C-alpha cells in the first residue's frame, strides 16, 4: 500500500509541477510581450512567443560543457503541458506500467508466500489482471485500449481503441481499488515473511 501511495503522490507531484512550469512560461511570455510592444510591436503576440525556442539543458560545470537535452518551441511546450496534454498522458501511462511491474516482480510473490502459496501465480487478482491488460496496451498497442482492456472486470474505463489517458480521478480510484484488494488480502491468515 505504501508503494501505491508513494507512486500516486509522485504522479500528482509531477502533474502539479507541469502546471506550475506552464504558468511560469506563460507569465514570462506575457512580460516579454509587454516589452516588445515598445520596441517591436509586430512581434508582441502570443503567436510570436509560441514560435520561440524552449529547451532543457544541463548547465556547464568545471568538468562538463553545457548540454542540451531537449528542444522545442514554447507553443509546443504549452500544448503538451496543458491539462489533458501529452505529458499528463505519459505520466499516467508510466504510473500504470510501474505499478504493474512492482506488483508482478515483487509484491505479488511476497503476498502469495505470506498467504501460504508456493508460487506467485497461485495468487489471482481481477484488479491486477486489469492493470496488466492496461500496461500491455500502453506498451504494445501505442497507448490504445485493446479488446482485453474493454473487457476489464474492475477497471472499466476504456473501450477498444480508446486512448489510455489516466486522469487524476482515475488514479485515485485505482489507489482505492488497490487499498480494497490489500484489505481483503490482509483479512486472510498469513504466514510471517520479511520485506525489504
C-alpha atoms as a PDB file:
ATOM      1  CA  UNK A   1       0.000   0.000   0.000  1.00  0.00           C
ATOM      2  CA  UNK A   2       2.849   2.361   0.849  1.00  0.00           C
ATOM      3  CA  UNK A   3       4.315   1.904  -2.630  1.00  0.00           C
ATOM      4  CA  UNK A   4       0.932   2.694  -4.208  1.00  0.00           C
ATOM      5  CA  UNK A   5       0.526   5.868  -2.135  1.00  0.00           C
ATOM      6  CA  UNK A   6       4.071   6.971  -2.951  1.00  0.00           C
ATOM      7  CA  UNK A   7       3.506   6.314  -6.651  1.00  0.00           C
ATOM      8  CA  UNK A   8       0.233   8.278  -6.634  1.00  0.00           C
ATOM      9  CA  UNK A   9       1.992  11.102  -4.783  1.00  0.00           C
ATOM     10  CA  UNK A  10       4.787  11.210  -7.373  1.00  0.00           C
ATOM     11  CA  UNK A  11       2.228  11.237 -10.196  1.00  0.00           C
ATOM     12  CA  UNK A  12       0.283  14.100  -8.597  1.00  0.00           C
ATOM     13  CA  UNK A  13       3.531  15.991  -7.814  1.00  0.00           C
ATOM     14  CA  UNK A  14       4.576  15.681 -11.459  1.00  0.00           C
ATOM     15  CA  UNK A  15       1.204  16.966 -12.698  1.00  0.00           C
ATOM     16  CA  UNK A  16       1.394  19.908 -10.290  1.00  0.00           C
ATOM     17  CA  UNK A  17       4.944  20.603 -11.464  1.00  0.00           C
ATOM     18  CA  UNK A  18       3.809  20.645 -15.095  1.00  0.00           C
ATOM     19  CA  UNK A  19       1.070  23.103 -14.232  1.00  0.00           C
ATOM     20  CA  UNK A  20       3.461  25.370 -12.313  1.00  0.00           C
ATOM     21  CA  UNK A  21       6.116  25.405 -15.049  1.00  0.00           C
ATOM     22  CA  UNK A  22       3.489  26.021 -17.724  1.00  0.00           C
ATOM     23  CA  UNK A  23       2.126  29.007 -15.754  1.00  0.00           C
ATOM     24  CA  UNK A  24       5.674  30.356 -15.402  1.00  0.00           C
ATOM     25  CA  UNK A  25       6.311  30.109 -19.161  1.00  0.00           C
ATOM     26  CA  UNK A  26       3.028  31.949 -19.835  1.00  0.00           C
ATOM     27  CA  UNK A  27       3.928  34.631 -17.258  1.00  0.00           C
ATOM     28  CA  UNK A  28       7.346  35.117 -18.873  1.00  0.00           C
ATOM     29  CA  UNK A  29       5.739  35.283 -22.330  1.00  0.00           C
ATOM     30  CA  UNK A  30       3.350  37.984 -21.142  1.00  0.00           C
ATOM     31  CA  UNK A  31       6.223  40.014 -19.674  1.00  0.00           C
ATOM     32  CA  UNK A  32       8.187  39.716 -22.911  1.00  0.00           C
ATOM     33  CA  UNK A  33       5.131  40.746 -24.962  1.00  0.00           C
ATOM     34  CA  UNK A  34       4.790  43.901 -22.855  1.00  0.00           C
ATOM     35  CA  UNK A  35       8.455  44.783 -23.528  1.00  0.00           C
ATOM     36  CA  UNK A  36       8.130  44.008 -27.235  1.00  0.00           C
ATOM     37  CA  UNK A  37       5.153  46.371 -27.556  1.00  0.00           C
ATOM     38  CA  UNK A  38       7.622  49.241 -27.028  1.00  0.00           C
ATOM     39  CA  UNK A  39      10.418  48.119 -29.360  1.00  0.00           C
ATOM     40  CA  UNK A  40       8.935  45.590 -31.846  1.00  0.00           C
ATOM     41  CA  UNK A  41       5.145  45.858 -31.745  1.00  0.00           C
ATOM     42  CA  UNK A  42       4.656  43.426 -34.640  1.00  0.00           C
ATOM     43  CA  UNK A  43       6.335  40.689 -32.513  1.00  0.00           C
ATOM     44  CA  UNK A  44       4.316  41.474 -29.400  1.00  0.00           C
ATOM     45  CA  UNK A  45       1.969  38.496 -29.758  1.00  0.00           C
ATOM     46  CA  UNK A  46       1.434  35.125 -28.137  1.00  0.00           C
ATOM     47  CA  UNK A  47       1.808  33.548 -31.581  1.00  0.00           C
ATOM     48  CA  UNK A  48       5.300  35.025 -31.954  1.00  0.00           C
ATOM     49  CA  UNK A  49       6.282  33.911 -28.451  1.00  0.00           C
ATOM     50  CA  UNK A  50       4.943  30.414 -29.101  1.00  0.00           C
ATOM     51  CA  UNK A  51       7.395  30.108 -32.011  1.00  0.00           C
ATOM     52  CA  UNK A  52      10.407  30.871 -29.783  1.00  0.00           C
ATOM     53  CA  UNK A  53      12.727  28.105 -28.631  1.00  0.00           C
ATOM     54  CA  UNK A  54      12.421  26.486 -25.231  1.00  0.00           C
ATOM     55  CA  UNK A  55      14.930  23.867 -24.180  1.00  0.00           C
ATOM     56  CA  UNK A  56      16.016  21.745 -21.259  1.00  0.00           C
ATOM     57  CA  UNK A  57      19.709  21.517 -20.588  1.00  0.00           C
ATOM     58  CA  UNK A  58      22.415  20.504 -18.159  1.00  0.00           C
ATOM     59  CA  UNK A  59      24.364  23.579 -17.180  1.00  0.00           C
ATOM     60  CA  UNK A  60      28.107  23.692 -17.679  1.00  0.00           C
ATOM     61  CA  UNK A  61      30.337  22.903 -14.731  1.00  0.00           C
ATOM     62  CA  UNK A  62      34.090  22.578 -14.234  1.00  0.00           C
ATOM     63  CA  UNK A  63      34.084  19.055 -15.709  1.00  0.00           C
ATOM     64  CA  UNK A  64      31.378  19.178 -18.378  1.00  0.00           C
ATOM     65  CA  UNK A  65      30.232  21.671 -21.011  1.00  0.00           C
ATOM     66  CA  UNK A  66      26.600  22.730 -21.232  1.00  0.00           C
ATOM     67  CA  UNK A  67      24.469  20.014 -22.822  1.00  0.00           C
ATOM     68  CA  UNK A  68      21.068  20.492 -24.469  1.00  0.00           C
ATOM     69  CA  UNK A  69      18.762  17.609 -23.605  1.00  0.00           C
ATOM     70  CA  UNK A  70      15.548  18.553 -25.399  1.00  0.00           C
ATOM     71  CA  UNK A  71      14.463  21.452 -27.585  1.00  0.00           C
ATOM     72  CA  UNK A  72      11.038  22.528 -28.790  1.00  0.00           C
ATOM     73  CA  UNK A  73       9.053  25.719 -29.163  1.00  0.00           C
ATOM     74  CA  UNK A  74       7.295  27.469 -26.311  1.00  0.00           C
ATOM     75  CA  UNK A  75       3.988  26.752 -28.053  1.00  0.00           C
ATOM     76  CA  UNK A  76       4.731  23.032 -28.268  1.00  0.00           C
ATOM     77  CA  UNK A  77       5.698  23.059 -24.591  1.00  0.00           C
ATOM     78  CA  UNK A  78       2.450  24.809 -23.623  1.00  0.00           C
ATOM     79  CA  UNK A  79       0.458  22.345 -25.726  1.00  0.00           C
ATOM     80  CA  UNK A  80       1.997  19.186 -24.245  1.00  0.00           C
ATOM     81  CA  UNK A  81       1.854  20.502 -20.651  1.00  0.00           C
ATOM     82  CA  UNK A  82      -1.755  21.735 -20.867  1.00  0.00           C
ATOM     83  CA  UNK A  83      -4.446  19.990 -18.853  1.00  0.00           C
ATOM     84  CA  UNK A  84      -5.035  16.714 -20.689  1.00  0.00           C
ATOM     85  CA  UNK A  85      -1.880  17.144 -22.784  1.00  0.00           C
ATOM     86  CA  UNK A  86       0.669  14.564 -23.867  1.00  0.00           C
ATOM     87  CA  UNK A  87       2.829  14.936 -20.755  1.00  0.00           C
ATOM     88  CA  UNK A  88      -0.087  14.124 -18.436  1.00  0.00           C
ATOM     89  CA  UNK A  89      -0.994  11.159 -20.648  1.00  0.00           C
ATOM     90  CA  UNK A  90       2.567   9.813 -20.472  1.00  0.00           C
ATOM     91  CA  UNK A  91       2.717  10.289 -16.690  1.00  0.00           C
ATOM     92  CA  UNK A  92      -0.466   8.274 -16.184  1.00  0.00           C
ATOM     93  CA  UNK A  93       0.747   5.552 -18.507  1.00  0.00           C
ATOM     94  CA  UNK A  94       4.125   5.387 -16.760  1.00  0.00           C
ATOM     95  CA  UNK A  95       2.351   5.135 -13.406  1.00  0.00           C
ATOM     96  CA  UNK A  96       0.326   2.116 -14.617  1.00  0.00           C
ATOM     97  CA  UNK A  97       3.405   0.413 -16.073  1.00  0.00           C
ATOM     98  CA  UNK A  98       5.443   0.984 -12.903  1.00  0.00           C
ATOM     99  CA  UNK A  99       2.596  -0.143 -10.666  1.00  0.00           C
ATOM    100  CA  UNK A 100       2.146  -3.384 -12.577  1.00  0.00           C
ATOM    101  CA  UNK A 101       5.895  -4.025 -12.692  1.00  0.00           C
ATOM    102  CA  UNK A 102       6.186  -3.600  -8.913  1.00  0.00           C
ATOM    103  CA  UNK A 103       3.203  -5.904  -8.333  1.00  0.00           C
ATOM    104  CA  UNK A 104       4.363  -8.608 -10.714  1.00  0.00           C
ATOM    105  CA  UNK A 105       8.087  -8.517  -9.873  1.00  0.00           C
ATOM    106  CA  UNK A 106       7.951  -8.040  -6.100  1.00  0.00           C
ATOM    107  CA  UNK A 107       4.717  -7.625  -4.183  1.00  0.00           C
ATOM    108  CA  UNK A 108       2.712 -10.464  -5.728  1.00  0.00           C
ATOM    109  CA  UNK A 109       5.320 -13.014  -4.699  1.00  0.00           C
ATOM    110  CA  UNK A 110       5.599 -11.603  -1.175  1.00  0.00           C
ATOM    111  CA  UNK A 111       1.817 -11.634  -0.743  1.00  0.00           C
ATOM    112  CA  UNK A 112       1.493 -15.136  -2.214  1.00  0.00           C
ATOM    113  CA  UNK A 113       4.134 -16.538   0.141  1.00  0.00           C
ATOM    114  CA  UNK A 114       2.553 -14.769   3.118  1.00  0.00           C
ATOM    115  CA  UNK A 115      -0.744 -16.424   2.252  1.00  0.00           C
ATOM    116  CA  UNK A 116       0.905 -19.844   2.125  1.00  0.00           C
ATOM    117  CA  UNK A 117       1.160 -20.240  -1.647  1.00  0.00           C
ATOM    118  CA  UNK A 118       4.287 -21.793  -3.102  1.00  0.00           C
ATOM    119  CA  UNK A 119       4.155 -19.740  -6.303  1.00  0.00           C
ATOM    120  CA  UNK A 120       3.063 -16.167  -7.019  1.00  0.00           C
ATOM    121  CA  UNK A 121       0.838 -17.362  -9.881  1.00  0.00           C
ATOM    122  CA  UNK A 122      -1.421 -19.025  -7.314  1.00  0.00           C
ATOM    123  CA  UNK A 123      -2.430 -15.519  -6.162  1.00  0.00           C
ATOM    124  CA  UNK A 124      -5.096 -14.259  -8.569  1.00  0.00           C
ATOM    125  CA  UNK A 125      -6.467 -10.739  -8.782  1.00  0.00           C
ATOM    126  CA  UNK A 126      -9.033  -9.331 -11.203  1.00  0.00           C
ATOM    127  CA  UNK A 127      -7.732  -5.857 -10.359  1.00  0.00           C
ATOM    128  CA  UNK A 128      -4.133  -6.617 -11.281  1.00  0.00           C
ATOM    129  CA  UNK A 129      -5.274  -8.639 -14.278  1.00  0.00           C
ATOM    130  CA  UNK A 130      -6.936  -5.433 -15.491  1.00  0.00           C
ATOM    131  CA  UNK A 131      -3.792  -3.420 -14.710  1.00  0.00           C
ATOM    132  CA  UNK A 132      -1.770  -5.977 -16.710  1.00  0.00           C
ATOM    133  CA  UNK A 133      -4.096  -5.519 -19.681  1.00  0.00           C
ATOM    134  CA  UNK A 134      -3.733  -1.738 -19.428  1.00  0.00           C
ATOM    135  CA  UNK A 135       0.047  -1.994 -19.241  1.00  0.00           C
ATOM    136  CA  UNK A 136       0.152  -4.336 -22.219  1.00  0.00           C
ATOM    137  CA  UNK A 137      -1.976  -1.945 -24.307  1.00  0.00           C
ATOM    138  CA  UNK A 138       0.172   1.018 -23.250  1.00  0.00           C
ATOM    139  CA  UNK A 139       3.442  -0.697 -24.116  1.00  0.00           C
ATOM    140  CA  UNK A 140       2.429  -2.866 -27.069  1.00  0.00           C
ATOM    141  CA  UNK A 141      -0.552  -1.051 -28.639  1.00  0.00           C
ATOM    142  CA  UNK A 142       0.701   2.557 -28.640  1.00  0.00           C
ATOM    143  CA  UNK A 143      -1.407   3.500 -25.627  1.00  0.00           C
ATOM    144  CA  UNK A 144      -4.680   2.464 -27.263  1.00  0.00           C
ATOM    145  CA  UNK A 145      -7.113   0.186 -25.447  1.00  0.00           C
ATOM    146  CA  UNK A 146      -7.385  -3.356 -26.763  1.00  0.00           C
ATOM    147  CA  UNK A 147     -10.393  -5.703 -26.710  1.00  0.00           C
ATOM    148  CA  UNK A 148      -8.995  -7.160 -23.479  1.00  0.00           C
ATOM    149  CA  UNK A 149      -8.916  -3.715 -21.843  1.00  0.00           C
ATOM    150  CA  UNK A 150     -12.521  -3.233 -22.935  1.00  0.00           C
ATOM    151  CA  UNK A 151     -13.447  -6.470 -21.120  1.00  0.00           C
ATOM    152  CA  UNK A 152     -11.993  -5.334 -17.778  1.00  0.00           C
ATOM    153  CA  UNK A 153     -13.746  -6.552 -14.651  1.00  0.00           C
ATOM    154  CA  UNK A 154     -12.637  -3.837 -12.201  1.00  0.00           C
ATOM    155  CA  UNK A 155     -11.057  -1.014 -14.220  1.00  0.00           C
ATOM    156  CA  UNK A 156     -13.872  -0.352 -16.668  1.00  0.00           C
ATOM    157  CA  UNK A 157     -12.595   2.953 -18.010  1.00  0.00           C
ATOM    158  CA  UNK A 158     -11.808   2.273 -21.653  1.00  0.00           C
ATOM    159  CA  UNK A 159     -13.295   0.619 -24.705  1.00  0.00           C
ATOM    160  CA  UNK A 160     -11.317  -0.831 -27.594  1.00  0.00           C
ATOM    161  CA  UNK A 161      -9.315   1.839 -29.464  1.00  0.00           C
ATOM    162  CA  UNK A 162      -9.792   4.485 -26.759  1.00  0.00           C
ATOM    163  CA  UNK A 163      -6.643   6.404 -25.928  1.00  0.00           C
ATOM    164  CA  UNK A 164      -5.472   5.326 -22.492  1.00  0.00           C
ATOM    165  CA  UNK A 165      -5.379   8.540 -20.519  1.00  0.00           C
ATOM    166  CA  UNK A 166      -5.383   8.112 -16.739  1.00  0.00           C
ATOM    167  CA  UNK A 167      -6.974  11.141 -15.080  1.00  0.00           C
ATOM    168  CA  UNK A 168      -6.332  12.257 -11.511  1.00  0.00           C
ATOM    169  CA  UNK A 169      -9.750  10.860 -10.559  1.00  0.00           C
ATOM    170  CA  UNK A 170      -8.967   7.500 -12.148  1.00  0.00           C
ATOM    171  CA  UNK A 171      -5.564   7.416 -10.422  1.00  0.00           C
ATOM    172  CA  UNK A 172      -7.267   7.991  -7.070  1.00  0.00           C
ATOM    173  CA  UNK A 173      -9.883   5.337  -7.876  1.00  0.00           C
ATOM    174  CA  UNK A 174      -7.114   2.898  -8.783  1.00  0.00           C
ATOM    175  CA  UNK A 175      -5.487   3.536  -5.404  1.00  0.00           C
ATOM    176  CA  UNK A 176      -8.828   2.919  -3.686  1.00  0.00           C
ATOM    177  CA  UNK A 177      -9.192  -0.385  -5.553  1.00  0.00           C
ATOM    178  CA  UNK A 178      -5.672  -1.410  -4.505  1.00  0.00           C
ATOM    179  CA  UNK A 179      -6.476  -0.478  -0.912  1.00  0.00           C
ATOM    180  CA  UNK A 180      -9.637  -2.591  -1.077  1.00  0.00           C
ATOM    181  CA  UNK A 181      -7.729  -5.533  -2.594  1.00  0.00           C
ATOM    182  CA  UNK A 182      -4.964  -5.369   0.021  1.00  0.00           C
ATOM    183  CA  UNK A 183      -7.508  -5.062   2.832  1.00  0.00           C
ATOM    184  CA  UNK A 184      -9.151  -8.249   1.559  1.00  0.00           C
ATOM    185  CA  UNK A 185      -5.768 -10.000   1.405  1.00  0.00           C
ATOM    186  CA  UNK A 186      -4.920  -8.904   4.931  1.00  0.00           C
ATOM    187  CA  UNK A 187      -8.142 -10.404   6.254  1.00  0.00           C
ATOM    188  CA  UNK A 188      -6.839 -13.865   5.284  1.00  0.00           C
ATOM    189  CA  UNK A 189      -4.482 -15.780   7.602  1.00  0.00           C
ATOM    190  CA  UNK A 190      -0.884 -15.015   6.654  1.00  0.00           C
ATOM    191  CA  UNK A 191       2.482 -16.653   7.128  1.00  0.00           C
ATOM    192  CA  UNK A 192       5.244 -14.410   8.503  1.00  0.00           C
ATOM    193  CA  UNK A 193       7.503 -13.008   5.800  1.00  0.00           C
ATOM    194  CA  UNK A 194      10.256 -10.437   5.530  1.00  0.00           C
ATOM    195  CA  UNK A 195      10.009  -7.301   3.436  1.00  0.00           C
ATOM    196  CA  UNK A 196      12.960  -5.500   2.034  1.00  0.00           C
END
